[in-house]
Amino acid sequence: MRCDKKDLLLYAVTDRTWLHGAALEDHVERALKGGATFVQLREKELDHDAFLAEAFRLKALCARYGVPFVINDDVGIALECGADGVHVGQSDMEAGDVRARLGPDKIVGVSAQTVEQAILAERRGADYLGVGAVFPTGSKADADDVSHETLKAICEAVSIPVIAIGGIGAGNVHELAGSGICGVAVISAIFAQPDIEKATAELKARTLAAVEP
């Protein structure tokens, strides 16, 4: 399964920080009910078996909603659970190697901060790019800032879809209008909100308004 541009409108990236005892699956389902169009399971702390079990649960959940499901970084977990694909950063496995392991039918997403990185990722088989951080973010302390000029230049330099990530919320997504992105990836703008479903629906509507020509 490869992704369509419309699947990338509102890309939800999981984070355990705000679970407070709740199941991750429950939080993700609320986001899906609110209209999330893509889900990435991002786990930095779980051991292999717990990560894999979570991946199987979320894969089944996303399948019920007809939403693509990818794993952050871990190609092995993605292969074991049958995820739709993998998203990798610049310091992770190179896109061409990911494509070689996953095969031609899976989704490969790549983080990029420069036009050069973006062009190379596309050449190596990436299906979409995640570009950021476009605003200051607390979710990733090591995220490099990407100016809106660079974001626009990346969108113009590649033919694959580009999503913006980093510090995006309902209050600032309109600032990305005209950049050429097809959607946004968020963590806290969905999962840190008291009403996840409502927050997702509002952000989706505002994102759609920002990306429509």
N, C-alpha and C. Protein backbone atom coordinates (compact mmCIF):
# COMPACT_ATOMS: atom_id res chain seq x y z
N MET A 1 0.85 -1.20 0.00
CA MET A 1 0.00 0.00 0.00
C MET A 1 0.88 1.25 0.00
N ARG A 2 0.72 2.10 -1.00
CA ARG A 2 1.41 3.37 -1.03
C ARG A 2 0.39 4.46 -0.70
N CYS A 3 0.88 5.63 -0.30
CA CYS A 3 -0.07 6.62 0.21
C CYS A 3 -0.49 7.63 -0.86
N ASP A 4 -1.68 8.13 -0.68
CA ASP A 4 -2.23 9.18 -1.53
C ASP A 4 -2.05 10.52 -0.80
N LYS A 5 -1.95 11.58 -1.57
CA LYS A 5 -1.74 12.90 -0.98
C LYS A 5 -2.83 13.23 0.05
N LYS A 6 -4.06 12.87 -0.24
CA LYS A 6 -5.16 13.20 0.68
C LYS A 6 -5.04 12.47 2.01
N ASP A 7 -4.32 11.34 2.02
CA ASP A 7 -4.12 10.60 3.28
C ASP A 7 -3.24 11.37 4.26
N LEU A 8 -2.51 12.34 3.77
CA LEU A 8 -1.51 13.05 4.58
C LEU A 8 -2.01 14.37 5.16
N LEU A 9 -3.31 14.64 5.01
CA LEU A 9 -3.84 15.93 5.48
C LEU A 9 -3.60 16.16 6.96
N LEU A 10 -3.97 15.18 7.78
CA LEU A 10 -3.77 15.32 9.23
C LEU A 10 -3.15 14.04 9.76
N TYR A 11 -1.87 14.11 9.99
CA TYR A 11 -1.00 12.97 10.30
C TYR A 11 -0.72 13.00 11.80
N ALA A 12 -1.26 12.00 12.51
CA ALA A 12 -1.12 11.95 13.97
C ALA A 12 0.05 11.08 14.38
N VAL A 13 0.96 11.63 15.17
CA VAL A 13 2.12 10.91 15.68
C VAL A 13 1.91 10.63 17.16
N THR A 14 1.98 9.37 17.55
CA THR A 14 1.66 9.00 18.93
C THR A 14 2.74 9.44 19.92
N ASP A 15 2.31 9.58 21.15
CA ASP A 15 3.23 9.94 22.24
C ASP A 15 2.58 9.48 23.56
N ARG A 16 3.34 8.74 24.37
CA ARG A 16 2.80 8.23 25.64
C ARG A 16 2.72 9.29 26.73
N THR A 17 3.34 10.44 26.52
CA THR A 17 3.45 11.46 27.56
C THR A 17 2.11 11.81 28.20
N TRP A 18 1.06 11.85 27.38
CA TRP A 18 -0.23 12.36 27.87
C TRP A 18 -1.24 11.26 28.14
N LEU A 19 -0.82 10.02 28.24
CA LEU A 19 -1.78 8.92 28.46
C LEU A 19 -2.39 8.95 29.86
N HIS A 20 -1.56 9.24 30.87
CA HIS A 20 -2.04 9.30 32.26
C HIS A 20 -2.86 8.06 32.63
N GLY A 21 -2.33 6.91 32.27
CA GLY A 21 -2.98 5.65 32.62
C GLY A 21 -3.94 5.11 31.59
N ALA A 22 -4.29 5.92 30.61
CA ALA A 22 -5.20 5.45 29.55
C ALA A 22 -4.43 4.59 28.55
N ALA A 23 -5.15 3.83 27.76
CA ALA A 23 -4.52 3.02 26.71
C ALA A 23 -4.25 3.88 25.49
N LEU A 24 -3.07 3.69 24.89
CA LEU A 24 -2.73 4.44 23.68
C LEU A 24 -3.77 4.21 22.59
N GLU A 25 -4.25 3.00 22.50
CA GLU A 25 -5.25 2.65 21.50
C GLU A 25 -6.50 3.53 21.63
N ASP A 26 -6.91 3.81 22.87
CA ASP A 26 -8.09 4.65 23.09
C ASP A 26 -7.86 6.08 22.60
N HIS A 27 -6.67 6.61 22.88
CA HIS A 27 -6.34 7.96 22.43
C HIS A 27 -6.32 8.03 20.91
N VAL A 28 -5.72 7.02 20.29
CA VAL A 28 -5.63 7.01 18.83
C VAL A 28 -7.02 6.89 18.21
N GLU A 29 -7.88 6.08 18.83
CA GLU A 29 -9.23 5.95 18.27
C GLU A 29 -9.99 7.27 18.35
N ARG A 30 -9.79 8.02 19.40
CA ARG A 30 -10.44 9.33 19.49
C ARG A 30 -9.96 10.25 18.36
N ALA A 31 -8.65 10.18 18.08
CA ALA A 31 -8.10 10.98 16.97
C ALA A 31 -8.70 10.54 15.63
N LEU A 32 -8.85 9.24 15.45
CA LEU A 32 -9.43 8.73 14.21
C LEU A 32 -10.90 9.14 14.08
N LYS A 33 -11.62 9.11 15.19
CA LYS A 33 -13.02 9.57 15.16
C LYS A 33 -13.10 11.05 14.81
N GLY A 34 -12.09 11.81 15.23
CA GLY A 34 -12.05 13.24 14.93
C GLY A 34 -11.61 13.54 13.51
N GLY A 35 -11.12 12.52 12.81
CA GLY A 35 -10.78 12.72 11.40
C GLY A 35 -9.32 12.63 11.04
N ALA A 36 -8.46 12.13 11.94
CA ALA A 36 -7.05 11.93 11.58
C ALA A 36 -6.98 11.03 10.34
N THR A 37 -6.10 11.37 9.42
CA THR A 37 -6.04 10.65 8.13
C THR A 37 -4.84 9.72 8.00
N PHE A 38 -3.96 9.72 9.00
CA PHE A 38 -2.72 8.94 8.94
C PHE A 38 -2.22 8.80 10.38
N VAL A 39 -1.66 7.66 10.73
CA VAL A 39 -1.15 7.46 12.09
C VAL A 39 0.26 6.87 12.04
N GLN A 40 1.12 7.48 12.83
CA GLN A 40 2.48 6.95 13.01
C GLN A 40 2.67 6.55 14.48
N LEU A 41 3.08 5.31 14.69
CA LEU A 41 3.41 4.85 16.04
C LEU A 41 4.87 5.17 16.32
N ARG A 42 5.06 6.05 17.30
CA ARG A 42 6.43 6.48 17.65
C ARG A 42 6.70 6.05 19.08
N GLU A 43 7.63 5.12 19.24
CA GLU A 43 7.97 4.60 20.56
C GLU A 43 9.48 4.63 20.76
N LYS A 44 9.91 5.26 21.83
CA LYS A 44 11.34 5.35 22.11
C LYS A 44 11.73 4.56 23.36
N GLU A 45 10.75 4.15 24.16
CA GLU A 45 11.05 3.53 25.45
C GLU A 45 10.66 2.06 25.54
N LEU A 46 9.67 1.62 24.80
CA LEU A 46 9.17 0.25 24.95
C LEU A 46 10.17 -0.79 24.48
N ASP A 47 10.16 -1.96 25.14
CA ASP A 47 10.99 -3.06 24.64
C ASP A 47 10.32 -3.67 23.41
N HIS A 48 11.03 -4.57 22.75
CA HIS A 48 10.57 -5.10 21.46
C HIS A 48 9.18 -5.71 21.54
N ASP A 49 8.95 -6.58 22.52
CA ASP A 49 7.67 -7.29 22.58
C ASP A 49 6.50 -6.35 22.85
N ALA A 50 6.70 -5.39 23.75
CA ALA A 50 5.64 -4.43 24.05
C ALA A 50 5.37 -3.52 22.85
N PHE A 51 6.43 -3.12 22.18
CA PHE A 51 6.32 -2.29 20.97
C PHE A 51 5.54 -3.05 19.90
N LEU A 52 5.89 -4.30 19.69
CA LEU A 52 5.24 -5.12 18.67
C LEU A 52 3.75 -5.32 18.99
N ALA A 53 3.45 -5.59 20.25
CA ALA A 53 2.05 -5.78 20.65
C ALA A 53 1.25 -4.50 20.41
N GLU A 54 1.83 -3.35 20.75
CA GLU A 54 1.16 -2.07 20.51
C GLU A 54 0.96 -1.86 19.01
N ALA A 55 1.97 -2.23 18.22
CA ALA A 55 1.89 -2.06 16.77
C ALA A 55 0.75 -2.89 16.18
N PHE A 56 0.60 -4.12 16.64
CA PHE A 56 -0.49 -4.97 16.14
C PHE A 56 -1.86 -4.36 16.48
N ARG A 57 -1.98 -3.83 17.72
CA ARG A 57 -3.26 -3.24 18.12
C ARG A 57 -3.60 -2.02 17.27
N LEU A 58 -2.62 -1.15 17.08
CA LEU A 58 -2.90 0.07 16.32
C LEU A 58 -3.08 -0.21 14.83
N LYS A 59 -2.35 -1.20 14.33
CA LYS A 59 -2.54 -1.57 12.92
C LYS A 59 -3.98 -2.00 12.67
N ALA A 60 -4.52 -2.86 13.56
CA ALA A 60 -5.90 -3.33 13.42
C ALA A 60 -6.89 -2.17 13.55
N LEU A 61 -6.63 -1.27 14.49
CA LEU A 61 -7.50 -0.11 14.68
C LEU A 61 -7.53 0.77 13.44
N CYS A 62 -6.36 1.10 12.91
CA CYS A 62 -6.28 1.97 11.73
C CYS A 62 -6.93 1.30 10.52
N ALA A 63 -6.78 0.00 10.42
CA ALA A 63 -7.41 -0.73 9.31
C ALA A 63 -8.93 -0.59 9.36
N ARG A 64 -9.48 -0.61 10.57
CA ARG A 64 -10.94 -0.46 10.71
C ARG A 64 -11.42 0.90 10.21
N TYR A 65 -10.57 1.91 10.36
CA TYR A 65 -10.92 3.26 9.93
C TYR A 65 -10.42 3.57 8.52
N GLY A 66 -9.73 2.63 7.90
CA GLY A 66 -9.22 2.84 6.55
C GLY A 66 -8.13 3.89 6.47
N VAL A 67 -7.31 3.97 7.53
CA VAL A 67 -6.26 4.99 7.62
C VAL A 67 -4.88 4.33 7.59
N PRO A 68 -3.94 4.86 6.78
CA PRO A 68 -2.59 4.28 6.74
C PRO A 68 -1.92 4.32 8.11
N PHE A 69 -1.13 3.28 8.39
CA PHE A 69 -0.45 3.14 9.67
C PHE A 69 1.02 2.82 9.43
N VAL A 70 1.90 3.67 9.95
CA VAL A 70 3.34 3.44 9.79
C VAL A 70 4.04 3.45 11.14
N ILE A 71 5.23 2.88 11.14
CA ILE A 71 6.07 2.80 12.33
C ILE A 71 7.21 3.81 12.20
N ASN A 72 7.52 4.48 13.29
CA ASN A 72 8.67 5.39 13.30
C ASN A 72 9.96 4.59 13.47
N ASP A 73 10.86 4.76 12.54
CA ASP A 73 12.25 4.25 12.61
C ASP A 73 12.42 2.74 12.46
N ASP A 74 11.59 1.94 13.11
CA ASP A 74 11.90 0.52 13.28
C ASP A 74 11.35 -0.34 12.15
N VAL A 75 12.20 -0.63 11.17
CA VAL A 75 11.78 -1.40 10.00
C VAL A 75 11.42 -2.82 10.41
N GLY A 76 12.15 -3.38 11.37
CA GLY A 76 11.89 -4.74 11.82
C GLY A 76 10.49 -4.89 12.40
N ILE A 77 10.09 -3.95 13.26
CA ILE A 77 8.75 -3.98 13.85
C ILE A 77 7.70 -3.83 12.75
N ALA A 78 7.96 -2.94 11.80
CA ALA A 78 7.00 -2.72 10.71
C ALA A 78 6.79 -4.00 9.91
N LEU A 79 7.87 -4.71 9.64
CA LEU A 79 7.76 -5.96 8.89
C LEU A 79 7.03 -7.03 9.70
N GLU A 80 7.32 -7.10 11.00
CA GLU A 80 6.70 -8.12 11.85
C GLU A 80 5.20 -7.92 12.00
N CYS A 81 4.76 -6.67 12.12
CA CYS A 81 3.33 -6.43 12.35
C CYS A 81 2.56 -6.21 11.05
N GLY A 82 3.27 -6.08 9.95
CA GLY A 82 2.60 -5.85 8.68
C GLY A 82 2.09 -4.43 8.52
N ALA A 83 2.79 -3.46 9.11
CA ALA A 83 2.39 -2.06 8.99
C ALA A 83 2.41 -1.62 7.52
N ASP A 84 1.74 -0.51 7.25
CA ASP A 84 1.70 0.00 5.88
C ASP A 84 3.03 0.61 5.46
N GLY A 85 3.92 0.90 6.43
CA GLY A 85 5.20 1.47 6.07
C GLY A 85 5.99 1.94 7.27
N VAL A 86 6.99 2.77 6.98
CA VAL A 86 7.92 3.26 8.00
C VAL A 86 8.23 4.73 7.72
N HIS A 87 8.45 5.49 8.79
CA HIS A 87 8.96 6.85 8.65
C HIS A 87 10.34 6.90 9.29
N VAL A 88 11.32 7.44 8.57
CA VAL A 88 12.68 7.51 9.09
C VAL A 88 13.20 8.95 9.07
N GLY A 89 14.07 9.24 10.03
CA GLY A 89 14.73 10.53 10.09
C GLY A 89 16.06 10.48 9.37
N GLN A 90 16.74 11.61 9.36
CA GLN A 90 18.03 11.68 8.66
C GLN A 90 19.11 10.83 9.35
N SER A 91 18.95 10.58 10.65
CA SER A 91 19.96 9.80 11.38
C SER A 91 19.59 8.32 11.45
N ASP A 92 18.45 7.94 10.85
CA ASP A 92 18.01 6.55 10.87
C ASP A 92 18.46 5.85 9.59
N MET A 93 17.89 4.70 9.31
CA MET A 93 18.23 3.95 8.10
C MET A 93 17.92 4.79 6.86
N GLU A 94 18.82 4.75 5.89
CA GLU A 94 18.67 5.54 4.68
C GLU A 94 17.47 5.04 3.86
N ALA A 95 16.79 5.98 3.19
CA ALA A 95 15.52 5.67 2.52
C ALA A 95 15.64 4.52 1.52
N GLY A 96 16.73 4.47 0.77
CA GLY A 96 16.91 3.40 -0.20
C GLY A 96 17.02 2.04 0.46
N ASP A 97 17.67 1.98 1.61
CA ASP A 97 17.79 0.72 2.35
C ASP A 97 16.44 0.30 2.92
N VAL A 98 15.66 1.29 3.40
CA VAL A 98 14.32 1.00 3.91
C VAL A 98 13.46 0.43 2.79
N ARG A 99 13.50 1.07 1.63
CA ARG A 99 12.71 0.60 0.49
C ARG A 99 13.12 -0.83 0.10
N ALA A 100 14.42 -1.11 0.14
CA ALA A 100 14.91 -2.44 -0.23
C ALA A 100 14.37 -3.51 0.73
N ARG A 101 14.29 -3.17 2.02
CA ARG A 101 13.79 -4.13 3.02
C ARG A 101 12.27 -4.27 2.98
N LEU A 102 11.57 -3.17 2.77
CA LEU A 102 10.11 -3.21 2.81
C LEU A 102 9.49 -3.70 1.51
N GLY A 103 10.18 -3.49 0.40
CA GLY A 103 9.61 -3.84 -0.89
C GLY A 103 8.91 -2.66 -1.53
N PRO A 104 8.40 -2.85 -2.74
CA PRO A 104 7.87 -1.73 -3.53
C PRO A 104 6.50 -1.23 -3.11
N ASP A 105 5.77 -2.01 -2.32
CA ASP A 105 4.37 -1.68 -2.07
C ASP A 105 4.10 -0.97 -0.74
N LYS A 106 5.14 -0.78 0.06
CA LYS A 106 4.96 -0.14 1.37
C LYS A 106 5.28 1.35 1.31
N ILE A 107 4.78 2.07 2.30
CA ILE A 107 5.01 3.51 2.38
C ILE A 107 6.35 3.80 3.06
N VAL A 108 7.14 4.67 2.46
CA VAL A 108 8.38 5.14 3.08
C VAL A 108 8.31 6.66 3.20
N GLY A 109 8.32 7.14 4.44
CA GLY A 109 8.35 8.57 4.70
C GLY A 109 9.72 8.95 5.25
N VAL A 110 10.18 10.13 4.91
CA VAL A 110 11.51 10.58 5.32
C VAL A 110 11.44 12.01 5.85
N SER A 111 12.10 12.26 6.97
CA SER A 111 12.23 13.62 7.48
C SER A 111 13.31 14.36 6.70
N ALA A 112 13.06 15.62 6.40
CA ALA A 112 14.04 16.43 5.67
C ALA A 112 14.02 17.85 6.21
N GLN A 113 15.20 18.46 6.23
CA GLN A 113 15.31 19.86 6.67
C GLN A 113 15.86 20.78 5.59
N THR A 114 16.37 20.19 4.51
CA THR A 114 16.95 20.99 3.44
C THR A 114 16.46 20.49 2.08
N VAL A 115 16.60 21.35 1.07
CA VAL A 115 16.22 20.96 -0.29
C VAL A 115 17.05 19.76 -0.74
N GLU A 116 18.33 19.75 -0.40
CA GLU A 116 19.21 18.66 -0.81
C GLU A 116 18.75 17.33 -0.21
N GLN A 117 18.43 17.34 1.07
CA GLN A 117 17.93 16.11 1.72
C GLN A 117 16.63 15.65 1.08
N ALA A 118 15.76 16.60 0.75
CA ALA A 118 14.47 16.28 0.15
C ALA A 118 14.62 15.62 -1.21
N ILE A 119 15.46 16.20 -2.05
CA ILE A 119 15.67 15.65 -3.39
C ILE A 119 16.28 14.26 -3.31
N LEU A 120 17.24 14.08 -2.41
CA LEU A 120 17.89 12.78 -2.26
C LEU A 120 16.88 11.73 -1.77
N ALA A 121 16.05 12.11 -0.81
CA ALA A 121 15.06 11.16 -0.29
C ALA A 121 14.09 10.73 -1.38
N GLU A 122 13.65 11.68 -2.19
CA GLU A 122 12.74 11.34 -3.29
C GLU A 122 13.43 10.39 -4.27
N ARG A 123 14.67 10.68 -4.58
CA ARG A 123 15.43 9.85 -5.52
C ARG A 123 15.61 8.43 -4.99
N ARG A 124 15.72 8.31 -3.66
CA ARG A 124 15.96 6.99 -3.06
C ARG A 124 14.67 6.21 -2.77
N GLY A 125 13.53 6.77 -3.14
CA GLY A 125 12.31 5.98 -3.02
C GLY A 125 11.31 6.42 -1.98
N ALA A 126 11.49 7.61 -1.39
CA ALA A 126 10.52 8.10 -0.41
C ALA A 126 9.19 8.40 -1.08
N ASP A 127 8.10 8.13 -0.36
CA ASP A 127 6.75 8.43 -0.85
C ASP A 127 6.27 9.81 -0.42
N TYR A 128 6.77 10.28 0.72
CA TYR A 128 6.41 11.61 1.20
C TYR A 128 7.52 12.10 2.09
N LEU A 129 7.52 13.41 2.36
CA LEU A 129 8.52 14.03 3.23
C LEU A 129 7.83 14.70 4.40
N GLY A 130 8.45 14.59 5.57
CA GLY A 130 8.04 15.35 6.74
C GLY A 130 9.08 16.43 6.98
N VAL A 131 8.68 17.69 6.90
CA VAL A 131 9.64 18.79 6.96
C VAL A 131 9.39 19.66 8.19
N GLY A 132 10.43 19.89 8.96
CA GLY A 132 10.29 20.72 10.16
C GLY A 132 11.55 20.67 11.02
N ALA A 133 11.50 21.36 12.12
CA ALA A 133 10.33 21.93 12.77
C ALA A 133 10.01 23.32 12.21
N VAL A 134 8.72 23.50 11.80
CA VAL A 134 8.33 24.76 11.19
C VAL A 134 7.98 25.82 12.23
N PHE A 135 7.68 25.37 13.45
CA PHE A 135 7.49 26.27 14.59
C PHE A 135 8.24 25.65 15.77
N PRO A 136 8.54 26.44 16.81
CA PRO A 136 9.19 25.86 17.98
C PRO A 136 8.35 24.73 18.56
N THR A 137 9.00 23.66 18.98
CA THR A 137 8.27 22.50 19.48
C THR A 137 8.89 21.96 20.75
N GLY A 138 8.04 21.47 21.65
CA GLY A 138 8.52 20.84 22.87
C GLY A 138 8.56 19.33 22.75
N SER A 139 8.01 18.78 21.67
CA SER A 139 7.92 17.33 21.53
C SER A 139 9.25 16.69 21.14
N LYS A 140 10.06 17.44 20.38
CA LYS A 140 11.36 16.91 19.98
C LYS A 140 12.42 17.96 20.28
N ALA A 141 13.17 17.73 21.32
CA ALA A 141 14.16 18.72 21.75
C ALA A 141 15.26 18.93 20.72
N ASP A 142 15.52 17.90 19.89
CA ASP A 142 16.61 17.99 18.93
C ASP A 142 16.15 18.46 17.55
N ALA A 143 14.90 18.89 17.43
CA ALA A 143 14.37 19.28 16.13
C ALA A 143 15.01 20.59 15.65
N ASP A 144 15.52 20.57 14.42
CA ASP A 144 16.09 21.78 13.83
C ASP A 144 14.97 22.63 13.24
N ASP A 145 15.14 23.94 13.34
CA ASP A 145 14.14 24.83 12.76
C ASP A 145 14.27 24.85 11.24
N VAL A 146 13.12 24.92 10.58
CA VAL A 146 13.08 25.06 9.13
C VAL A 146 12.26 26.30 8.83
N SER A 147 12.84 27.25 8.10
CA SER A 147 12.12 28.48 7.79
C SER A 147 10.99 28.19 6.80
N HIS A 148 10.03 29.08 6.76
CA HIS A 148 8.92 28.89 5.82
C HIS A 148 9.41 29.02 4.38
N GLU A 149 10.48 29.79 4.17
CA GLU A 149 11.07 29.89 2.83
C GLU A 149 11.65 28.55 2.40
N THR A 150 12.33 27.87 3.33
CA THR A 150 12.90 26.55 3.02
C THR A 150 11.80 25.53 2.79
N LEU A 151 10.74 25.59 3.60
CA LEU A 151 9.61 24.68 3.42
C LEU A 151 9.03 24.82 2.02
N LYS A 152 8.84 26.06 1.59
CA LYS A 152 8.28 26.30 0.27
C LYS A 152 9.23 25.82 -0.82
N ALA A 153 10.52 26.04 -0.62
CA ALA A 153 11.52 25.62 -1.60
C ALA A 153 11.55 24.10 -1.74
N ILE A 154 11.40 23.40 -0.61
CA ILE A 154 11.36 21.93 -0.65
C ILE A 154 10.13 21.46 -1.42
N CYS A 155 8.98 22.07 -1.14
CA CYS A 155 7.75 21.69 -1.85
C CYS A 155 7.89 21.88 -3.35
N GLU A 156 8.60 22.92 -3.75
CA GLU A 156 8.78 23.21 -5.17
C GLU A 156 9.82 22.30 -5.82
N ALA A 157 10.72 21.75 -4.99
CA ALA A 157 11.84 20.96 -5.54
C ALA A 157 11.52 19.49 -5.77
N VAL A 158 10.45 19.01 -5.14
CA VAL A 158 10.12 17.58 -5.25
C VAL A 158 8.70 17.40 -5.80
N SER A 159 8.44 16.20 -6.32
CA SER A 159 7.11 15.91 -6.84
C SER A 159 6.28 15.07 -5.87
N ILE A 160 6.92 14.55 -4.81
CA ILE A 160 6.19 13.77 -3.82
C ILE A 160 5.55 14.71 -2.78
N PRO A 161 4.51 14.24 -2.08
CA PRO A 161 3.84 15.11 -1.10
C PRO A 161 4.77 15.50 0.06
N VAL A 162 4.53 16.70 0.58
CA VAL A 162 5.29 17.23 1.71
C VAL A 162 4.32 17.59 2.82
N ILE A 163 4.61 17.14 4.05
CA ILE A 163 3.85 17.58 5.21
C ILE A 163 4.78 18.36 6.14
N ALA A 164 4.22 19.34 6.81
CA ALA A 164 4.98 20.12 7.77
C ALA A 164 4.81 19.51 9.15
N ILE A 165 5.85 19.63 9.98
CA ILE A 165 5.79 19.11 11.34
C ILE A 165 6.53 20.07 12.27
N GLY A 166 6.11 20.08 13.53
CA GLY A 166 6.85 20.83 14.53
C GLY A 166 6.11 22.05 15.04
N GLY A 167 5.52 21.93 16.22
CA GLY A 167 4.89 23.07 16.87
C GLY A 167 3.61 23.55 16.22
N ILE A 168 3.02 22.71 15.37
CA ILE A 168 1.81 23.12 14.65
C ILE A 168 0.57 22.87 15.50
N GLY A 169 -0.36 23.82 15.47
CA GLY A 169 -1.62 23.68 16.18
C GLY A 169 -2.71 24.46 15.47
N ALA A 170 -3.91 24.40 16.02
CA ALA A 170 -5.05 25.07 15.41
C ALA A 170 -4.83 26.58 15.31
N GLY A 171 -4.01 27.12 16.21
CA GLY A 171 -3.81 28.57 16.23
C GLY A 171 -2.79 29.10 15.25
N ASN A 172 -1.96 28.22 14.67
CA ASN A 172 -0.94 28.74 13.75
C ASN A 172 -0.88 28.02 12.40
N VAL A 173 -1.71 26.99 12.20
CA VAL A 173 -1.61 26.24 10.95
C VAL A 173 -1.90 27.12 9.74
N HIS A 174 -2.71 28.16 9.92
CA HIS A 174 -3.02 29.06 8.79
C HIS A 174 -1.78 29.75 8.24
N GLU A 175 -0.73 29.88 9.08
CA GLU A 175 0.50 30.54 8.64
C GLU A 175 1.25 29.72 7.58
N LEU A 176 0.85 28.46 7.42
CA LEU A 176 1.52 27.60 6.43
C LEU A 176 0.84 27.65 5.07
N ALA A 177 -0.23 28.41 4.96
CA ALA A 177 -0.94 28.53 3.68
C ALA A 177 0.00 29.06 2.60
N GLY A 178 -0.09 28.50 1.41
CA GLY A 178 0.74 28.95 0.30
C GLY A 178 2.11 28.33 0.23
N SER A 179 2.43 27.46 1.18
CA SER A 179 3.78 26.86 1.20
C SER A 179 3.91 25.69 0.23
N GLY A 180 2.78 25.08 -0.13
CA GLY A 180 2.83 23.92 -1.01
C GLY A 180 2.66 22.59 -0.31
N ILE A 181 2.53 22.61 1.02
CA ILE A 181 2.34 21.36 1.76
C ILE A 181 0.96 20.77 1.47
N CYS A 182 0.82 19.46 1.71
CA CYS A 182 -0.49 18.83 1.53
C CYS A 182 -1.12 18.47 2.87
N GLY A 183 -0.38 18.72 3.97
CA GLY A 183 -0.91 18.41 5.29
C GLY A 183 0.09 18.70 6.38
N VAL A 184 -0.28 18.33 7.61
CA VAL A 184 0.59 18.57 8.76
C VAL A 184 0.65 17.32 9.62
N ALA A 185 1.78 17.15 10.29
CA ALA A 185 1.95 16.09 11.27
C ALA A 185 2.04 16.72 12.65
N VAL A 186 1.28 16.17 13.59
CA VAL A 186 1.23 16.77 14.93
C VAL A 186 1.25 15.69 16.01
N ILE A 187 1.69 16.11 17.18
CA ILE A 187 1.67 15.23 18.35
C ILE A 187 0.78 15.88 19.41
N SER A 188 1.31 16.91 20.07
CA SER A 188 0.60 17.50 21.21
C SER A 188 -0.68 18.22 20.80
N ALA A 189 -0.75 18.73 19.56
CA ALA A 189 -1.95 19.44 19.12
C ALA A 189 -3.17 18.52 19.12
N ILE A 190 -2.93 17.22 19.11
CA ILE A 190 -4.01 16.24 19.24
C ILE A 190 -3.97 15.58 20.61
N PHE A 191 -2.85 14.91 20.91
CA PHE A 191 -2.84 14.01 22.06
C PHE A 191 -2.68 14.68 23.42
N ALA A 192 -2.30 15.95 23.44
CA ALA A 192 -2.22 16.66 24.73
C ALA A 192 -3.50 17.41 25.06
N GLN A 193 -4.50 17.33 24.16
CA GLN A 193 -5.72 18.10 24.35
C GLN A 193 -6.73 17.34 25.22
N PRO A 194 -7.51 18.07 26.02
CA PRO A 194 -8.48 17.40 26.90
C PRO A 194 -9.57 16.64 26.13
N ASP A 195 -9.95 17.16 24.96
CA ASP A 195 -10.93 16.47 24.12
C ASP A 195 -10.25 16.17 22.79
N ILE A 196 -9.67 14.98 22.68
CA ILE A 196 -8.86 14.63 21.51
C ILE A 196 -9.70 14.64 20.23
N GLU A 197 -10.88 14.09 20.29
CA GLU A 197 -11.72 14.02 19.08
C GLU A 197 -12.07 15.42 18.58
N LYS A 198 -12.49 16.28 19.49
CA LYS A 198 -12.85 17.66 19.11
C LYS A 198 -11.64 18.42 18.58
N ALA A 199 -10.49 18.28 19.25
CA ALA A 199 -9.27 18.98 18.83
C ALA A 199 -8.84 18.52 17.44
N THR A 200 -8.97 17.22 17.19
CA THR A 200 -8.60 16.67 15.88
C THR A 200 -9.50 17.24 14.79
N ALA A 201 -10.80 17.26 15.04
CA ALA A 201 -11.75 17.75 14.04
C ALA A 201 -11.49 19.23 13.72
N GLU A 202 -11.22 20.02 14.76
CA GLU A 202 -10.97 21.45 14.54
C GLU A 202 -9.68 21.66 13.75
N LEU A 203 -8.64 20.93 14.14
CA LEU A 203 -7.36 21.09 13.45
C LEU A 203 -7.46 20.62 12.01
N LYS A 204 -8.22 19.56 11.77
CA LYS A 204 -8.39 19.06 10.40
C LYS A 204 -9.06 20.12 9.52
N ALA A 205 -10.10 20.75 10.04
CA ALA A 205 -10.80 21.78 9.27
C ALA A 205 -9.88 22.96 8.96
N ARG A 206 -9.10 23.36 9.94
CA ARG A 206 -8.20 24.50 9.73
C ARG A 206 -7.05 24.14 8.79
N THR A 207 -6.59 22.89 8.88
CA THR A 207 -5.52 22.45 7.98
C THR A 207 -6.02 22.40 6.55
N LEU A 208 -7.22 21.90 6.36
CA LEU A 208 -7.81 21.83 5.02
C LEU A 208 -7.91 23.23 4.41
N ALA A 209 -8.31 24.19 5.22
CA ALA A 209 -8.41 25.57 4.73
C ALA A 209 -7.04 26.13 4.36
N ALA A 210 -6.00 25.69 5.09
CA ALA A 210 -4.65 26.21 4.84
C ALA A 210 -4.00 25.60 3.60
N VAL A 211 -4.33 24.34 3.31
CA VAL A 211 -3.64 23.67 2.20
C VAL A 211 -4.41 23.76 0.88
N GLU A 212 -5.68 24.11 0.94
CA GLU A 212 -6.43 24.22 -0.31
C GLU A 212 -5.94 25.44 -1.10
N PRO A 213 -5.74 25.26 -2.41
CA PRO A 213 -5.24 26.38 -3.23
C PRO A 213 -6.24 27.52 -3.35
